[in-house]
Amino acid sequence: MIKPSEMTTLSQVLEKLRLKRQDNEFLLTENGFSVGNGKFYTPQELKVIRTFRFEGDSDPSDSSVLYLIEAKDGLIGYSIDSYGAFSNHDDVNYDEFIRKIPTEQRDEQLIF
């Protein structure tokens, strides 16, 4: 069982994903989200199963969100975005794409 204190930083969540071999980073392309395996996913083929938000103690530019995403073919991965004025995605397409993905917030114990 994972204790909440074990998942307080972005690097801790990424390490848990790596250990479970779920550290596939979904990147937005002109054809949809891809993890570099030759497949492209539309929002309808994906589901956000958990969202983690992180805020820096003293620097608002440290604010980020990790979306844990599951594809219909069973692939689990993530997408990271800084939020607020410091978003690291230059185009509006990322925000539009991520909003179209259905959400099903799963309990951490079911994921990790």
N, C-alpha and C. Protein backbone atom coordinates (compact mmCIF):
# COMPACT_ATOMS: atom_id res chain seq x y z
N MET A 1 0.84 -1.17 0.00
CA MET A 1 0.00 0.00 0.00
C MET A 1 0.89 1.23 0.00
N ILE A 2 0.52 2.22 -0.79
CA ILE A 2 1.30 3.45 -0.88
C ILE A 2 0.77 4.45 0.13
N LYS A 3 1.66 5.03 0.87
CA LYS A 3 1.28 6.06 1.82
C LYS A 3 1.29 7.40 1.09
N PRO A 4 0.36 8.31 1.43
CA PRO A 4 0.32 9.61 0.76
C PRO A 4 1.66 10.34 0.78
N SER A 5 2.44 10.18 1.84
CA SER A 5 3.71 10.88 1.94
C SER A 5 4.73 10.39 0.92
N GLU A 6 4.49 9.20 0.33
CA GLU A 6 5.41 8.66 -0.66
C GLU A 6 5.21 9.27 -2.03
N MET A 7 4.16 10.07 -2.22
CA MET A 7 3.82 10.59 -3.54
C MET A 7 3.63 12.11 -3.49
N THR A 8 4.57 12.80 -2.88
CA THR A 8 4.39 14.23 -2.71
C THR A 8 5.11 15.06 -3.76
N THR A 9 5.98 14.45 -4.56
CA THR A 9 6.67 15.21 -5.58
C THR A 9 6.47 14.55 -6.95
N LEU A 10 6.67 15.34 -7.97
CA LEU A 10 6.57 14.83 -9.33
C LEU A 10 7.55 13.69 -9.56
N SER A 11 8.77 13.83 -9.08
CA SER A 11 9.77 12.79 -9.30
C SER A 11 9.39 11.48 -8.59
N GLN A 12 8.72 11.56 -7.45
CA GLN A 12 8.29 10.34 -6.76
C GLN A 12 7.21 9.61 -7.55
N VAL A 13 6.27 10.35 -8.13
CA VAL A 13 5.23 9.72 -8.93
C VAL A 13 5.84 9.11 -10.18
N LEU A 14 6.75 9.82 -10.83
CA LEU A 14 7.40 9.29 -12.03
C LEU A 14 8.20 8.02 -11.71
N GLU A 15 8.83 7.97 -10.54
CA GLU A 15 9.58 6.78 -10.15
C GLU A 15 8.63 5.59 -9.93
N LYS A 16 7.49 5.83 -9.30
CA LYS A 16 6.51 4.75 -9.12
C LYS A 16 6.03 4.22 -10.47
N LEU A 17 5.80 5.13 -11.41
CA LEU A 17 5.39 4.72 -12.74
C LEU A 17 6.49 3.91 -13.43
N ARG A 18 7.73 4.33 -13.28
CA ARG A 18 8.86 3.62 -13.88
C ARG A 18 8.95 2.20 -13.34
N LEU A 19 8.80 2.06 -12.04
CA LEU A 19 8.89 0.74 -11.42
C LEU A 19 7.78 -0.20 -11.90
N LYS A 20 6.63 0.36 -12.26
CA LYS A 20 5.52 -0.46 -12.76
C LYS A 20 5.52 -0.55 -14.29
N ARG A 21 6.56 -0.01 -14.91
CA ARG A 21 6.69 0.02 -16.38
C ARG A 21 5.51 0.74 -17.03
N GLN A 22 5.07 1.81 -16.38
CA GLN A 22 3.98 2.63 -16.90
C GLN A 22 4.48 4.05 -17.15
N ASP A 23 5.76 4.18 -17.42
CA ASP A 23 6.36 5.50 -17.58
C ASP A 23 6.41 5.91 -19.06
N ASN A 24 5.31 5.69 -19.75
CA ASN A 24 5.17 6.08 -21.15
C ASN A 24 4.67 7.52 -21.20
N GLU A 25 5.44 8.41 -21.80
CA GLU A 25 5.01 9.81 -21.86
C GLU A 25 4.20 10.06 -23.12
N PHE A 26 2.94 10.43 -22.93
CA PHE A 26 2.08 10.81 -24.04
C PHE A 26 2.44 12.23 -24.48
N LEU A 27 2.82 12.36 -25.74
CA LEU A 27 3.15 13.67 -26.31
C LEU A 27 2.15 13.98 -27.42
N LEU A 28 1.75 15.23 -27.51
CA LEU A 28 0.78 15.63 -28.52
C LEU A 28 1.48 15.81 -29.87
N THR A 29 0.94 15.16 -30.88
CA THR A 29 1.41 15.32 -32.25
C THR A 29 0.23 15.81 -33.08
N GLU A 30 0.45 16.06 -34.34
CA GLU A 30 -0.66 16.49 -35.20
C GLU A 30 -1.67 15.37 -35.41
N ASN A 31 -1.28 14.13 -35.11
CA ASN A 31 -2.18 12.98 -35.26
C ASN A 31 -2.81 12.53 -33.95
N GLY A 32 -2.53 13.20 -32.84
CA GLY A 32 -3.06 12.83 -31.54
C GLY A 32 -1.94 12.55 -30.56
N PHE A 33 -2.27 11.99 -29.41
CA PHE A 33 -1.26 11.62 -28.42
C PHE A 33 -0.50 10.39 -28.90
N SER A 34 0.80 10.35 -28.67
CA SER A 34 1.62 9.21 -29.02
C SER A 34 2.68 9.02 -27.95
N VAL A 35 3.10 7.78 -27.74
CA VAL A 35 4.20 7.49 -26.82
C VAL A 35 5.43 7.03 -27.59
N GLY A 36 5.43 7.26 -28.90
CA GLY A 36 6.58 6.91 -29.72
C GLY A 36 6.61 5.47 -30.19
N ASN A 37 5.47 4.78 -30.07
CA ASN A 37 5.41 3.38 -30.49
C ASN A 37 4.73 3.20 -31.85
N GLY A 38 4.52 4.32 -32.56
CA GLY A 38 3.88 4.25 -33.87
C GLY A 38 2.37 4.35 -33.82
N LYS A 39 1.79 4.29 -32.62
CA LYS A 39 0.34 4.42 -32.48
C LYS A 39 0.01 5.86 -32.11
N PHE A 40 -1.15 6.30 -32.55
CA PHE A 40 -1.66 7.62 -32.21
C PHE A 40 -3.04 7.44 -31.60
N TYR A 41 -3.32 8.20 -30.56
CA TYR A 41 -4.56 8.05 -29.81
C TYR A 41 -5.37 9.34 -29.86
N THR A 42 -6.67 9.19 -30.12
CA THR A 42 -7.59 10.31 -30.05
C THR A 42 -8.11 10.41 -28.61
N PRO A 43 -8.72 11.52 -28.24
CA PRO A 43 -9.27 11.62 -26.87
C PRO A 43 -10.27 10.51 -26.56
N GLN A 44 -11.01 10.04 -27.56
CA GLN A 44 -12.02 9.00 -27.35
C GLN A 44 -11.38 7.64 -27.04
N GLU A 45 -10.10 7.49 -27.35
CA GLU A 45 -9.40 6.23 -27.09
C GLU A 45 -8.63 6.26 -25.77
N LEU A 46 -8.78 7.35 -25.03
CA LEU A 46 -8.03 7.55 -23.80
C LEU A 46 -8.96 7.84 -22.63
N LYS A 47 -8.40 7.69 -21.43
CA LYS A 47 -9.13 8.01 -20.21
C LYS A 47 -8.12 8.51 -19.19
N VAL A 48 -8.37 9.66 -18.57
CA VAL A 48 -7.54 10.14 -17.47
C VAL A 48 -7.98 9.37 -16.24
N ILE A 49 -7.05 8.59 -15.66
CA ILE A 49 -7.42 7.76 -14.51
C ILE A 49 -6.94 8.34 -13.18
N ARG A 50 -6.11 9.35 -13.24
CA ARG A 50 -5.66 10.01 -12.01
C ARG A 50 -4.98 11.32 -12.39
N THR A 51 -5.16 12.34 -11.58
CA THR A 51 -4.51 13.63 -11.78
C THR A 51 -3.74 13.97 -10.52
N PHE A 52 -2.48 14.35 -10.69
CA PHE A 52 -1.64 14.77 -9.59
C PHE A 52 -1.24 16.22 -9.82
N ARG A 53 -1.44 17.07 -8.83
CA ARG A 53 -1.04 18.48 -8.94
C ARG A 53 0.09 18.74 -7.95
N PHE A 54 1.06 19.50 -8.43
CA PHE A 54 2.23 19.82 -7.61
C PHE A 54 2.45 21.32 -7.63
N GLU A 55 2.74 21.88 -6.46
CA GLU A 55 3.01 23.30 -6.35
C GLU A 55 4.30 23.50 -5.59
N GLY A 56 5.16 24.36 -6.14
CA GLY A 56 6.42 24.65 -5.48
C GLY A 56 6.18 25.40 -4.19
N ASP A 57 7.04 25.18 -3.20
CA ASP A 57 6.89 25.83 -1.90
C ASP A 57 7.01 27.34 -1.98
N SER A 58 7.92 27.82 -2.82
CA SER A 58 8.15 29.26 -2.84
C SER A 58 8.09 29.86 -4.24
N ASP A 59 8.00 29.05 -5.26
CA ASP A 59 8.05 29.55 -6.63
C ASP A 59 6.83 29.10 -7.41
N PRO A 60 5.94 30.04 -7.79
CA PRO A 60 4.74 29.65 -8.52
C PRO A 60 5.04 29.00 -9.86
N SER A 61 6.23 29.20 -10.41
CA SER A 61 6.56 28.58 -11.69
C SER A 61 6.81 27.08 -11.55
N ASP A 62 6.84 26.58 -10.30
CA ASP A 62 7.01 25.15 -10.06
C ASP A 62 5.68 24.38 -10.13
N SER A 63 4.59 25.06 -10.44
CA SER A 63 3.28 24.42 -10.47
C SER A 63 3.14 23.56 -11.71
N SER A 64 2.78 22.29 -11.50
CA SER A 64 2.60 21.38 -12.63
C SER A 64 1.50 20.37 -12.32
N VAL A 65 1.03 19.73 -13.37
CA VAL A 65 0.02 18.70 -13.24
C VAL A 65 0.47 17.49 -14.06
N LEU A 66 0.29 16.31 -13.51
CA LEU A 66 0.57 15.07 -14.21
C LEU A 66 -0.76 14.36 -14.40
N TYR A 67 -1.09 14.09 -15.65
CA TYR A 67 -2.28 13.32 -15.98
C TYR A 67 -1.85 11.88 -16.20
N LEU A 68 -2.38 10.96 -15.42
CA LEU A 68 -2.13 9.54 -15.64
C LEU A 68 -3.23 9.05 -16.57
N ILE A 69 -2.82 8.49 -17.71
CA ILE A 69 -3.75 8.20 -18.80
C ILE A 69 -3.69 6.73 -19.16
N GLU A 70 -4.88 6.15 -19.41
CA GLU A 70 -4.96 4.78 -19.88
C GLU A 70 -5.63 4.78 -21.26
N ALA A 71 -5.00 4.08 -22.21
CA ALA A 71 -5.56 3.93 -23.55
C ALA A 71 -6.47 2.71 -23.58
N LYS A 72 -7.36 2.67 -24.55
CA LYS A 72 -8.29 1.53 -24.67
C LYS A 72 -7.56 0.22 -24.90
N ASP A 73 -6.33 0.26 -25.43
CA ASP A 73 -5.57 -0.97 -25.64
C ASP A 73 -4.80 -1.41 -24.39
N GLY A 74 -5.03 -0.70 -23.26
CA GLY A 74 -4.42 -1.07 -21.99
C GLY A 74 -3.13 -0.35 -21.65
N LEU A 75 -2.56 0.39 -22.59
CA LEU A 75 -1.33 1.14 -22.33
C LEU A 75 -1.60 2.23 -21.30
N ILE A 76 -0.74 2.32 -20.29
CA ILE A 76 -0.84 3.37 -19.28
C ILE A 76 0.39 4.23 -19.37
N GLY A 77 0.18 5.53 -19.32
CA GLY A 77 1.27 6.49 -19.38
C GLY A 77 0.84 7.80 -18.75
N TYR A 78 1.56 8.85 -19.07
CA TYR A 78 1.29 10.14 -18.44
C TYR A 78 1.55 11.28 -19.40
N SER A 79 1.02 12.43 -19.05
CA SER A 79 1.33 13.69 -19.73
C SER A 79 1.51 14.73 -18.63
N ILE A 80 2.53 15.55 -18.77
CA ILE A 80 2.83 16.58 -17.77
C ILE A 80 2.64 17.95 -18.38
N ASP A 81 2.06 18.85 -17.60
CA ASP A 81 1.92 20.24 -18.04
C ASP A 81 2.16 21.16 -16.85
N SER A 82 2.85 22.24 -17.09
CA SER A 82 2.89 23.31 -16.10
C SER A 82 1.55 24.02 -16.25
N TYR A 83 1.02 24.53 -15.16
CA TYR A 83 -0.27 25.19 -15.31
C TYR A 83 -0.20 26.64 -14.88
N GLY A 84 -1.27 27.34 -15.22
CA GLY A 84 -1.30 28.77 -14.96
C GLY A 84 -0.59 29.50 -16.09
N ALA A 85 0.00 30.61 -15.74
CA ALA A 85 0.69 31.45 -16.73
C ALA A 85 1.94 30.78 -17.26
N PHE A 86 2.38 29.71 -16.65
CA PHE A 86 3.65 29.07 -17.00
C PHE A 86 3.48 27.79 -17.81
N SER A 87 2.34 27.62 -18.47
CA SER A 87 2.11 26.41 -19.25
C SER A 87 3.26 26.17 -20.22
N ASN A 88 3.68 24.92 -20.33
CA ASN A 88 4.80 24.61 -21.20
C ASN A 88 4.37 24.15 -22.59
N HIS A 89 3.09 24.31 -22.92
CA HIS A 89 2.60 23.98 -24.25
C HIS A 89 2.23 25.28 -24.95
N ASP A 90 2.95 25.58 -26.03
CA ASP A 90 2.76 26.85 -26.72
C ASP A 90 1.44 26.95 -27.46
N ASP A 91 0.94 25.82 -27.95
CA ASP A 91 -0.29 25.90 -28.72
C ASP A 91 -1.51 25.58 -27.86
N VAL A 92 -2.63 26.05 -28.31
CA VAL A 92 -3.89 25.84 -27.60
C VAL A 92 -4.37 24.40 -27.77
N ASN A 93 -3.89 23.71 -28.78
CA ASN A 93 -4.36 22.36 -29.07
C ASN A 93 -4.19 21.41 -27.89
N TYR A 94 -3.13 21.54 -27.11
CA TYR A 94 -2.92 20.65 -25.96
C TYR A 94 -4.08 20.79 -24.97
N ASP A 95 -4.40 22.02 -24.60
CA ASP A 95 -5.49 22.23 -23.63
C ASP A 95 -6.81 21.69 -24.17
N GLU A 96 -7.09 21.94 -25.44
CA GLU A 96 -8.32 21.44 -26.04
C GLU A 96 -8.32 19.91 -26.06
N PHE A 97 -7.20 19.31 -26.42
CA PHE A 97 -7.10 17.85 -26.51
C PHE A 97 -7.30 17.21 -25.13
N ILE A 98 -6.60 17.70 -24.12
CA ILE A 98 -6.67 17.10 -22.78
C ILE A 98 -8.07 17.24 -22.18
N ARG A 99 -8.77 18.34 -22.49
CA ARG A 99 -10.13 18.53 -21.98
C ARG A 99 -11.12 17.55 -22.59
N LYS A 100 -10.83 17.04 -23.78
CA LYS A 100 -11.74 16.11 -24.45
C LYS A 100 -11.60 14.67 -23.93
N ILE A 101 -10.54 14.40 -23.18
CA ILE A 101 -10.31 13.05 -22.66
C ILE A 101 -11.23 12.82 -21.45
N PRO A 102 -12.05 11.78 -21.48
CA PRO A 102 -12.90 11.48 -20.32
C PRO A 102 -12.07 11.20 -19.08
N THR A 103 -12.64 11.48 -17.93
CA THR A 103 -11.94 11.31 -16.66
C THR A 103 -12.64 10.27 -15.80
N GLU A 104 -11.83 9.40 -15.21
CA GLU A 104 -12.31 8.40 -14.25
C GLU A 104 -11.27 8.35 -13.15
N GLN A 105 -11.42 9.14 -12.13
CA GLN A 105 -10.41 9.22 -11.07
C GLN A 105 -10.38 7.92 -10.27
N ARG A 106 -9.32 7.14 -10.45
CA ARG A 106 -9.14 5.89 -9.71
C ARG A 106 -8.36 6.13 -8.44
N ASP A 107 -8.59 5.31 -7.47
CA ASP A 107 -7.87 5.36 -6.22
C ASP A 107 -6.41 4.96 -6.48
N GLU A 108 -5.49 5.60 -5.81
CA GLU A 108 -4.06 5.31 -5.98
C GLU A 108 -3.73 3.85 -5.74
N GLN A 109 -4.39 3.21 -4.78
CA GLN A 109 -4.11 1.82 -4.46
C GLN A 109 -4.46 0.91 -5.65
N LEU A 110 -5.42 1.28 -6.46
CA LEU A 110 -5.77 0.49 -7.63
C LEU A 110 -4.76 0.67 -8.76
N ILE A 111 -4.04 1.78 -8.74
CA ILE A 111 -3.07 2.07 -9.80
C ILE A 111 -1.68 1.55 -9.44
N PHE A 112 -1.28 1.85 -8.22
CA PHE A 112 0.08 1.51 -7.78
C PHE A 112 0.06 0.30 -6.86
